[in-house]
Amino acid sequence: MNPIFTELPAKLGLYMLNELLCSREHSELYAATQSYVDRSVVIEVLRPGSDPVVVEQFRESTRNRAAAGIAHVCPVLESVQTGTFYYLIQEQPRGISLSSLVAQGDRLNYNQGFTLVEHVAELYESCRQKNLAAAPLDASSVYLDRDDFSFFSPVMAGVADDAHRDAQMLGLADLLEQVLPPELLAKSKLSVVVHWLRNGYGGVSLEWQPLLSALSSLRTQKGGVDKDGQHFGNLILRYAKRRYLKRALRSIASHGKQIALAVLAILAIGASGYWLDGAQEDENLLPAVTEQYVYCKSGGTDWRVDIAPVSVRQYGDFLEAYARMSDAEKTKLHADIPVGVEDHIPLDWKDQLARSKEKGKEGENSPVLGVSYADAVVYTRYAKRRLADVDMVKTALKHASPDTGVEEWTSTWVKNIPPYDTHLIVFPAQGDTMIRETMPEQKSASRGFRTATKLKDSETSAKR
């Protein structure tokens, strides 16, 4: 199949396509630069003349990718139609693609292999929780930066199902066999992982969450691995039993209210010991949670942290107020903000507003996405609050809103940790691996933020 652009470099809208990265069934990926700002990006271009069904699937997949906020996935910046071309712009990942790595004759080491599996599992588990269909990853879609991995979004049109999961498992097994040395695959515990990806365990299809639960134990387990991988397999089977138990309970409930009530009564009696034990925990050690806030300590100070990230409605109110401000008021908000950072419109703002209106109140309360650190700081100054730090976000997610699906800018700066001199911490949408961001002015399609207010002594006393 001939390339869409036979001669490079080639201009596409505001972008200059410099290199063909890979070809897919209906699209191609190009390394590109954005005109005027000289920013490196990756652009996926749909083949012109594609069937209308394919066009609609591509457009749906771009919408899903922009809104997803998936762990370890390079943010989607925007989707565009220019003439007959439909294309998607993504951030350029750091490092080298695994396809280029293999072409150079290099392979991953043992720890990198395990980290790759963990990151892929977190990615697909995040997709499953959001009910998003996702394609298998190939070596051209995975980038290695030292010992960290990032991915082009595999999200596609449709919803998650078992067929997608099975294809993802096989795709990861193929990828590992491509990027790991044969002797490592033959003799290390990674061989067990590949076996389970291809075959499941004990007649049970593998799922991403039990794989994540087992990986840490398998990675650090001393000694060899028995031929059946019993230690790993037991974790999978325990998860499967819990899953099938839930299905059984749903089935029982569907056969009649009396049976369901009897089952619930038995479960309540059996769980009474758990609740009695739990009641012994010192409530003064737990943060206080209300419908709007989480009250907690950070740095020895009492804070009131928003229970959810800043919403589309709240940010829209800020933009309207900002447009009416005088130059002096704007200058005050921008103290210490780099000169020229004055456009606080989020990425795909019109689409976010349109989606929020379609969903009514629920949409208005959905997190605003596509903002930079500078946007977050200016908003918090306008709202007379502060940007939440890492500890505040962690506490809020644990006790109030565990499934926001949003990467969150924080106010936590870290200095002198190689390879970075200074970087910001971004709380991930999935997992516990913090994101180190060196470009605070960068707008990211998956990032939002939440605010916090320092409590006065009178408020702290009232809360207690």
Protein backbone atom coordinates (compact mmCIF):
# COMPACT_ATOMS: atom_id res chain seq x y z
CA MET A 1 0.00 0.00 0.00
CA ASN A 2 1.41 3.37 -1.03
CA PRO A 3 2.08 5.98 1.67
CA ILE A 4 -0.47 8.77 1.99
CA PHE A 5 2.33 11.32 1.51
CA THR A 6 4.81 10.04 -1.06
CA GLU A 7 7.27 12.89 -0.53
CA LEU A 8 8.45 14.21 2.82
CA PRO A 9 8.56 16.71 4.35
CA ALA A 10 4.95 17.56 3.53
CA LYS A 11 2.68 20.26 4.95
CA LEU A 12 -0.64 19.33 6.58
CA GLY A 13 -2.58 22.23 8.05
CA LEU A 14 -0.37 23.90 10.66
CA TYR A 15 2.03 20.94 10.76
CA MET A 16 5.03 19.75 8.77
CA LEU A 17 5.21 15.97 8.38
CA ASN A 18 8.86 14.88 8.55
CA GLU A 19 8.97 11.08 8.86
CA LEU A 20 6.63 8.11 8.38
CA LEU A 21 6.69 6.16 11.65
CA CYS A 22 4.39 3.27 10.77
CA SER A 23 1.51 2.23 8.51
CA ARG A 24 -1.75 0.75 9.78
CA GLU A 25 -4.75 -0.73 8.04
CA HIS A 26 -6.61 2.57 7.70
CA SER A 27 -4.10 5.19 8.84
CA GLU A 28 -0.45 6.21 9.08
CA LEU A 29 1.61 7.79 11.86
CA TYR A 30 4.01 10.63 11.09
CA ALA A 31 6.59 12.48 13.16
CA ALA A 32 5.83 16.17 12.68
CA THR A 33 6.52 19.67 13.91
CA GLN A 34 4.00 22.40 14.53
CA SER A 35 4.58 25.58 12.54
CA TYR A 36 5.56 28.77 14.35
CA VAL A 37 6.21 27.12 17.75
CA ASP A 38 8.48 24.31 16.50
CA ARG A 39 6.84 21.71 18.76
CA SER A 40 7.41 18.03 18.03
CA VAL A 41 4.24 15.94 17.74
CA VAL A 42 3.01 12.68 16.23
CA ILE A 43 0.10 12.80 13.79
CA GLU A 44 -2.13 9.88 12.85
CA VAL A 45 -3.68 10.50 9.42
CA LEU A 46 -6.70 8.60 8.11
CA ARG A 47 -6.33 7.43 4.52
CA PRO A 48 -8.28 9.75 2.18
CA GLY A 49 -11.24 8.09 0.49
CA SER A 50 -11.83 5.68 3.36
CA ASP A 51 -15.28 4.09 3.66
CA PRO A 52 -17.76 6.30 5.62
CA VAL A 53 -17.97 3.58 8.28
CA VAL A 54 -14.20 3.72 8.74
CA VAL A 55 -14.31 7.52 8.87
CA GLU A 56 -16.94 7.45 11.62
CA GLN A 57 -14.97 4.82 13.57
CA PHE A 58 -11.84 6.98 13.32
CA ARG A 59 -13.74 10.05 14.52
CA GLU A 60 -15.25 8.09 17.43
CA SER A 61 -11.85 6.73 18.40
CA THR A 62 -10.35 10.25 18.40
CA ARG A 63 -13.15 11.48 20.65
CA ASN A 64 -12.61 8.56 23.02
CA ARG A 65 -8.86 9.09 23.08
CA ALA A 66 -9.14 12.80 23.81
CA ALA A 67 -11.48 12.21 26.75
CA ALA A 68 -9.95 9.02 28.14
CA GLY A 69 -7.06 10.08 30.37
CA ILE A 70 -5.43 6.63 30.27
CA ALA A 71 -2.35 5.72 32.30
CA HIS A 72 1.03 6.04 30.52
CA VAL A 73 -0.59 7.20 27.26
CA CYS A 74 0.78 10.25 25.43
CA PRO A 75 -1.85 13.01 25.64
CA VAL A 76 -4.00 13.73 22.62
CA LEU A 77 -3.76 17.42 21.75
CA GLU A 78 -6.50 17.81 19.16
CA SER A 79 -8.30 16.23 16.22
CA VAL A 80 -8.60 18.11 12.94
CA GLN A 81 -10.21 17.89 9.51
CA THR A 82 -8.40 19.73 6.71
CA GLY A 83 -9.99 19.23 3.33
CA THR A 84 -10.17 15.48 2.73
CA PHE A 85 -7.81 14.68 5.62
CA TYR A 86 -8.88 13.57 9.08
CA TYR A 87 -6.02 13.46 11.56
CA LEU A 88 -5.18 13.25 15.25
CA ILE A 89 -2.33 15.13 16.95
CA GLN A 90 -0.58 13.54 19.92
CA GLU A 91 2.36 14.57 22.09
CA GLN A 92 5.72 13.27 20.95
CA PRO A 93 6.78 10.68 23.54
CA ARG A 94 10.24 10.86 25.08
CA GLY A 95 12.85 8.27 24.22
CA ILE A 96 12.98 5.71 21.43
CA SER A 97 10.31 3.42 19.99
CA LEU A 98 10.75 -0.28 20.65
CA SER A 99 10.65 -0.93 16.89
CA SER A 100 13.68 1.38 16.48
CA LEU A 101 15.36 -0.25 19.49
CA VAL A 102 15.02 -3.71 17.94
CA ALA A 103 16.17 -2.41 14.55
CA GLN A 104 19.38 -1.23 16.25
CA GLY A 105 19.98 -4.75 17.56
CA ASP A 106 19.13 -3.89 21.19
CA ARG A 107 16.68 -5.59 23.54
CA LEU A 108 15.06 -4.90 26.92
CA ASN A 109 16.56 -6.21 30.15
CA TYR A 110 14.76 -8.18 32.87
CA ASN A 111 13.53 -5.19 34.90
CA GLN A 112 12.48 -3.29 31.80
CA GLY A 113 10.48 -6.32 30.64
CA PHE A 114 8.54 -6.46 33.91
CA THR A 115 7.99 -2.70 33.90
CA LEU A 116 6.64 -2.92 30.35
CA VAL A 117 4.12 -5.60 31.37
CA GLU A 118 3.05 -3.59 34.42
CA HIS A 119 2.53 -0.40 32.42
CA VAL A 120 0.61 -2.20 29.68
CA ALA A 121 -1.58 -3.91 32.28
CA GLU A 122 -2.32 -0.56 33.96
CA LEU A 123 -3.17 0.95 30.58
CA TYR A 124 -5.64 -1.79 29.62
CA GLU A 125 -7.15 -2.06 33.11
CA SER A 126 -7.81 1.69 32.93
CA CYS A 127 -9.53 1.18 29.57
CA ARG A 128 -11.62 -1.67 31.03
CA GLN A 129 -12.76 0.46 33.96
CA LYS A 130 -13.85 3.17 31.55
CA ASN A 131 -15.48 0.57 29.24
CA LEU A 132 -13.30 1.65 26.29
CA ALA A 133 -12.30 -0.70 23.51
CA ALA A 134 -8.54 -0.76 22.90
CA ALA A 135 -6.39 -2.38 20.22
CA PRO A 136 -3.27 -4.49 20.84
CA LEU A 137 0.00 -2.55 21.08
CA ASP A 138 2.83 -3.04 18.62
CA ALA A 139 6.50 -2.11 18.94
CA SER A 140 6.07 1.15 17.00
CA SER A 141 3.47 2.35 19.53
CA VAL A 142 5.68 1.88 22.61
CA TYR A 143 8.49 4.26 23.60
CA LEU A 144 11.28 3.67 26.11
CA ASP A 145 12.85 6.56 28.04
CA ARG A 146 15.52 5.10 30.33
CA ASP A 147 13.40 2.63 32.36
CA ASP A 148 10.02 4.24 31.75
CA PHE A 149 7.51 3.46 29.01
CA SER A 150 4.85 5.55 27.26
CA PHE A 151 2.37 4.59 24.57
CA PHE A 152 0.39 5.99 21.71
CA SER A 153 -3.25 5.63 22.66
CA PRO A 154 -4.67 2.23 21.60
CA VAL A 155 -8.26 3.37 22.34
CA MET A 156 -10.63 2.72 19.45
CA ALA A 157 -14.31 2.96 18.63
CA GLY A 158 -16.67 0.71 20.57
CA VAL A 159 -16.75 -0.65 24.12
CA ALA A 160 -14.53 -3.12 25.96
CA ASP A 161 -15.31 -6.85 25.70
CA ASP A 162 -13.61 -10.22 26.21
CA ALA A 163 -12.52 -10.45 22.56
CA HIS A 164 -10.64 -7.15 22.85
CA ARG A 165 -8.99 -8.34 26.09
CA ASP A 166 -7.87 -11.63 24.56
CA ALA A 167 -6.38 -9.79 21.56
CA GLN A 168 -4.57 -7.40 23.92
CA MET A 169 -3.09 -10.33 25.85
CA LEU A 170 -1.83 -12.02 22.69
CA GLY A 171 -0.49 -8.71 21.40
CA LEU A 172 1.53 -8.17 24.58
CA ALA A 173 2.90 -11.73 24.38
CA ASP A 174 3.99 -11.10 20.77
CA LEU A 175 5.56 -7.80 21.80
CA LEU A 176 7.54 -9.36 24.65
CA GLU A 177 8.87 -12.08 22.37
CA GLN A 178 9.98 -9.39 19.93
CA VAL A 179 11.75 -7.06 22.39
CA LEU A 180 13.26 -9.46 24.95
CA PRO A 181 16.39 -11.59 24.39
CA PRO A 182 15.47 -15.24 23.65
CA GLU A 183 17.63 -16.53 26.52
CA LEU A 184 15.83 -14.21 28.96
CA LEU A 185 12.44 -15.44 27.79
CA ALA A 186 13.54 -19.06 28.10
CA LYS A 187 14.96 -18.94 31.63
CA SER A 188 13.41 -16.03 33.55
CA LYS A 189 10.05 -15.55 35.27
CA LEU A 190 8.99 -13.50 32.26
CA SER A 191 8.50 -16.82 30.45
CA VAL A 192 5.68 -17.55 32.93
CA VAL A 193 4.07 -14.20 32.12
CA VAL A 194 4.18 -14.90 28.39
CA HIS A 195 2.70 -18.36 28.95
CA TRP A 196 -0.25 -16.96 30.92
CA LEU A 197 -0.82 -14.19 28.38
CA ARG A 198 -1.20 -16.81 25.67
CA ASN A 199 -2.97 -19.59 27.57
CA GLY A 200 -4.57 -18.22 30.72
CA TYR A 201 -4.37 -20.37 33.83
CA GLY A 202 -6.19 -23.59 34.70
CA GLY A 203 -8.88 -22.98 32.11
CA VAL A 204 -9.42 -19.40 33.33
CA SER A 205 -8.84 -16.55 30.88
CA LEU A 206 -6.35 -14.05 32.22
CA GLU A 207 -7.56 -10.55 33.14
CA TRP A 208 -5.53 -7.40 33.66
CA GLN A 209 -6.28 -6.73 37.33
CA PRO A 210 -5.16 -10.14 38.67
CA LEU A 211 -2.10 -9.90 36.42
CA LEU A 212 -1.22 -6.59 38.07
CA SER A 213 -1.76 -8.10 41.52
CA ALA A 214 0.52 -11.03 40.75
CA LEU A 215 3.33 -9.22 38.94
CA SER A 216 4.86 -7.54 41.95
CA SER A 217 4.98 -10.81 43.87
CA LEU A 218 6.33 -12.77 40.92
CA ARG A 219 8.99 -10.15 40.14
CA THR A 220 10.44 -10.14 43.66
CA GLN A 221 9.92 -13.83 44.48
CA LYS A 222 13.20 -15.53 45.35
CA GLY A 223 14.26 -18.72 43.69
CA GLY A 224 13.10 -20.22 40.44
CA VAL A 225 9.64 -20.66 39.06
CA ASP A 226 8.09 -24.09 38.97
CA LYS A 227 6.95 -25.32 35.60
CA ASP A 228 3.31 -24.69 36.44
CA GLY A 229 3.91 -21.21 37.86
CA GLN A 230 1.86 -22.18 40.89
CA HIS A 231 2.55 -19.02 42.94
CA PHE A 232 1.41 -16.79 40.08
CA GLY A 233 -1.51 -19.01 39.14
CA ASN A 234 -3.00 -19.12 42.64
CA LEU A 235 -3.36 -15.34 42.62
CA ILE A 236 -5.24 -15.53 39.33
CA LEU A 237 -7.55 -18.27 40.54
CA ARG A 238 -8.37 -16.38 43.74
CA TYR A 239 -9.37 -13.40 41.63
CA ALA A 240 -11.43 -15.61 39.30
CA LYS A 241 -13.29 -17.15 42.25
CA ARG A 242 -14.22 -13.70 43.51
CA ARG A 243 -15.40 -12.71 40.04
CA TYR A 244 -17.54 -15.83 39.60
CA LEU A 245 -18.94 -15.39 43.14
CA LYS A 246 -20.15 -11.91 42.22
CA ARG A 247 -21.82 -13.31 39.12
CA ALA A 248 -23.47 -16.03 41.20
CA LEU A 249 -24.84 -13.50 43.67
CA ARG A 250 -26.30 -11.46 40.82
CA SER A 251 -27.91 -14.61 39.47
CA ILE A 252 -29.40 -15.47 42.86
CA ALA A 253 -30.80 -11.98 43.20
CA SER A 254 -32.44 -12.23 39.79
CA HIS A 255 -34.43 -15.33 40.85
CA GLY A 256 -36.42 -13.71 43.56
CA LYS A 257 -36.47 -11.12 46.27
CA GLN A 258 -36.80 -13.67 49.09
CA ILE A 259 -33.70 -15.63 48.07
CA ALA A 260 -31.73 -12.43 47.62
CA LEU A 261 -32.74 -11.18 51.07
CA ALA A 262 -31.79 -14.50 52.66
CA VAL A 263 -28.36 -14.43 51.02
CA LEU A 264 -27.82 -10.85 52.15
CA ALA A 265 -28.79 -11.76 55.70
CA ILE A 266 -26.27 -14.61 55.78
CA LEU A 267 -23.56 -12.37 54.38
CA ALA A 268 -24.41 -9.69 56.95
CA ILE A 269 -24.05 -12.17 59.84
CA GLY A 270 -20.75 -13.45 58.47
CA ALA A 271 -19.40 -9.93 58.04
CA SER A 272 -20.36 -8.71 61.53
CA GLY A 273 -16.92 -9.51 62.91
CA TYR A 274 -15.33 -7.37 60.20
CA TRP A 275 -17.48 -4.38 61.01
CA LEU A 276 -16.83 -4.72 64.75
CA ASP A 277 -13.09 -4.85 64.15
CA GLY A 278 -13.27 -1.85 61.83
CA ALA A 279 -15.12 0.20 64.43
CA GLN A 280 -12.08 0.06 66.68
CA GLU A 281 -10.09 2.35 64.36
CA ASP A 282 -9.40 5.81 65.81
CA GLU A 283 -11.63 8.20 63.87
CA ASN A 284 -9.39 11.12 64.79
CA LEU A 285 -6.70 9.61 62.55
CA LEU A 286 -8.95 9.69 59.48
CA PRO A 287 -9.65 12.74 57.32
CA ALA A 288 -13.13 14.28 57.57
CA VAL A 289 -15.19 13.95 54.39
CA THR A 290 -18.26 15.97 53.38
CA GLU A 291 -20.22 16.18 50.12
CA GLN A 292 -17.87 18.90 48.83
CA TYR A 293 -14.57 18.66 50.68
CA VAL A 294 -11.98 16.45 52.30
CA TYR A 295 -10.41 17.96 55.41
CA CYS A 296 -6.87 16.76 55.98
CA LYS A 297 -3.36 17.71 57.05
CA SER A 298 -0.45 18.44 54.73
CA GLY A 299 2.86 19.82 55.88
CA GLY A 300 1.52 20.08 59.44
CA THR A 301 -1.29 22.39 58.31
CA ASP A 302 -5.05 21.76 58.10
CA TRP A 303 -6.52 22.03 54.60
CA ARG A 304 -9.95 21.82 52.98
CA VAL A 305 -9.47 20.00 49.67
CA ASP A 306 -12.07 19.83 46.90
CA ILE A 307 -13.66 16.40 46.73
CA ALA A 308 -13.37 16.48 42.92
CA PRO A 309 -11.22 18.25 40.32
CA VAL A 310 -12.28 21.69 39.05
CA SER A 311 -15.30 21.22 36.78
CA VAL A 312 -16.15 22.46 33.31
CA ARG A 313 -18.74 24.80 34.83
CA GLN A 314 -16.33 26.24 37.38
CA TYR A 315 -13.62 26.81 34.79
CA GLY A 316 -16.13 28.33 32.39
CA ASP A 317 -17.13 30.85 35.08
CA PHE A 318 -13.45 31.73 35.50
CA LEU A 319 -12.98 32.30 31.76
CA GLU A 320 -16.01 34.60 31.65
CA ALA A 321 -14.71 36.58 34.64
CA TYR A 322 -11.21 36.68 33.16
CA ALA A 323 -12.51 38.19 29.91
CA ARG A 324 -14.01 41.08 31.91
CA MET A 325 -10.89 41.77 33.98
CA SER A 326 -8.76 44.88 33.59
CA ASP A 327 -5.13 44.61 32.51
CA ALA A 328 -4.05 45.39 36.08
CA GLU A 329 -6.17 42.53 37.47
CA LYS A 330 -4.76 40.11 34.91
CA THR A 331 -1.20 41.22 35.68
CA LYS A 332 -1.78 40.49 39.37
CA LEU A 333 -2.99 36.96 38.57
CA HIS A 334 0.08 36.36 36.41
CA ALA A 335 2.74 37.20 39.02
CA ASP A 336 5.72 34.85 38.43
CA ILE A 337 3.98 33.32 35.39
CA PRO A 338 6.22 33.41 32.26
CA VAL A 339 5.50 36.30 29.89
CA GLY A 340 3.23 35.27 27.03
CA VAL A 341 1.28 32.63 28.96
CA GLU A 342 -2.03 34.47 28.83
CA ASP A 343 -4.26 32.12 26.84
CA HIS A 344 -6.04 29.98 29.42
CA ILE A 345 -8.46 28.29 27.02
CA PRO A 346 -8.25 24.48 27.51
CA LEU A 347 -7.64 22.13 24.61
CA ASP A 348 -10.86 21.19 22.79
CA TRP A 349 -12.75 23.66 24.99
CA LYS A 350 -15.68 23.97 22.59
CA ASP A 351 -16.08 20.19 22.53
CA GLN A 352 -15.93 20.01 26.33
CA LEU A 353 -18.66 22.65 26.59
CA ALA A 354 -20.79 20.87 24.00
CA ARG A 355 -20.47 17.52 25.80
CA SER A 356 -21.27 19.11 29.15
CA LYS A 357 -24.46 20.65 27.75
CA GLU A 358 -25.53 17.32 26.27
CA LYS A 359 -25.19 15.62 29.68
CA GLY A 360 -26.76 18.42 31.69
CA LYS A 361 -25.71 18.83 35.31
CA GLU A 362 -23.55 15.72 35.22
CA GLY A 363 -21.63 17.13 32.27
CA GLU A 364 -21.19 20.54 33.90
CA ASN A 365 -19.65 18.84 36.92
CA SER A 366 -17.26 16.74 34.86
CA PRO A 367 -13.57 17.66 35.28
CA VAL A 368 -12.14 20.29 32.96
CA LEU A 369 -9.31 18.81 30.89
CA GLY A 370 -6.61 20.13 28.60
CA VAL A 371 -5.12 22.71 30.97
CA SER A 372 -1.53 23.59 31.79
CA TYR A 373 0.07 24.13 35.18
CA ALA A 374 -0.02 27.88 34.48
CA ASP A 375 -3.77 27.68 33.79
CA ALA A 376 -4.28 25.88 37.10
CA VAL A 377 -2.24 28.43 39.07
CA VAL A 378 -4.06 31.43 37.56
CA TYR A 379 -7.43 29.80 38.27
CA THR A 380 -6.55 29.14 41.91
CA ARG A 381 -5.46 32.77 42.36
CA TYR A 382 -8.74 33.92 40.86
CA ALA A 383 -10.66 31.58 43.19
CA LYS A 384 -8.52 32.67 46.19
CA ARG A 385 -7.39 29.10 46.77
CA ARG A 386 -4.27 27.03 46.22
CA LEU A 387 -3.38 24.19 43.92
CA ALA A 388 -3.54 20.90 45.84
CA ASP A 389 -0.21 19.17 46.49
CA VAL A 390 0.53 15.47 46.02
CA ASP A 391 -0.45 14.46 49.55
CA MET A 392 -3.78 16.31 49.32
CA VAL A 393 -4.67 14.69 46.00
CA LYS A 394 -3.71 11.26 47.31
CA THR A 395 -5.88 11.71 50.40
CA ALA A 396 -8.85 13.00 48.40
CA LEU A 397 -8.67 10.11 45.92
CA LYS A 398 -8.41 7.54 48.69
CA HIS A 399 -11.30 8.81 50.82
CA ALA A 400 -13.61 10.65 48.44
CA SER A 401 -13.28 10.31 44.66
CA PRO A 402 -11.27 7.22 43.70
CA ASP A 403 -12.18 7.11 39.99
CA THR A 404 -11.80 10.55 38.42
CA GLY A 405 -9.90 9.22 35.41
CA VAL A 406 -7.92 12.47 35.35
CA GLU A 407 -4.21 13.19 35.58
CA GLU A 408 -3.92 16.04 38.08
CA TRP A 409 -1.42 18.88 38.18
CA THR A 410 -0.11 19.38 41.71
CA SER A 411 1.82 22.15 43.44
CA THR A 412 4.63 19.75 44.38
CA TRP A 413 8.02 20.66 42.88
CA VAL A 414 11.00 18.30 43.11
CA LYS A 415 14.59 19.42 42.66
CA ASN A 416 17.89 17.76 41.83
CA ILE A 417 16.67 14.25 41.05
CA PRO A 418 18.42 13.02 37.87
CA PRO A 419 17.80 13.20 34.99
CA TYR A 420 15.84 16.37 35.81
CA ASP A 421 17.08 19.44 37.62
CA THR A 422 13.58 20.57 38.61
CA HIS A 423 10.22 19.07 37.75
CA LEU A 424 6.58 19.09 38.77
CA ILE A 425 4.69 16.07 40.03
CA VAL A 426 1.53 15.16 38.14
CA PHE A 427 -0.71 12.65 39.92
CA PRO A 428 -1.51 9.78 37.50
CA ALA A 429 -5.01 8.82 36.39
CA GLN A 430 -4.21 5.17 37.12
CA GLY A 431 -1.69 3.44 39.36
CA ASP A 432 0.80 4.90 41.83
CA THR A 433 3.65 5.90 39.51
CA MET A 434 3.89 9.68 39.63
CA ILE A 435 4.44 11.63 36.42
CA ARG A 436 7.45 13.94 36.35
CA GLU A 437 6.67 16.99 34.21
CA THR A 438 9.37 19.40 33.08
CA MET A 439 7.11 21.55 30.86
CA PRO A 440 4.55 23.24 33.15
CA GLU A 441 3.35 25.42 30.28
CA GLN A 442 2.28 22.32 28.32
CA LYS A 443 -1.47 21.80 27.90
CA SER A 444 -2.39 18.14 28.16
CA ALA A 445 -5.70 16.66 27.00
CA SER A 446 -5.82 14.29 29.99
CA ARG A 447 -4.94 16.73 32.77
CA GLY A 448 -7.05 18.68 35.21
CA PHE A 449 -6.49 19.88 38.77
CA ARG A 450 -8.15 20.40 42.13
CA THR A 451 -7.89 23.23 44.62
CA ALA A 452 -7.40 23.49 48.37
CA THR A 453 -7.96 26.16 51.03
CA LYS A 454 -5.87 26.63 54.15
CA LEU A 455 -8.11 26.49 57.21
CA LYS A 456 -8.16 29.17 59.83
CA ASP A 457 -7.93 28.10 63.48
CA SER A 458 -11.65 28.69 64.03
CA GLU A 459 -12.57 26.46 61.07
CA THR A 460 -10.23 23.72 62.28
CA SER A 461 -11.85 23.76 65.72
CA ALA A 462 -15.35 23.67 64.22
CA LYS A 463 -14.44 20.69 62.03
CA ARG A 464 -13.20 18.71 65.00
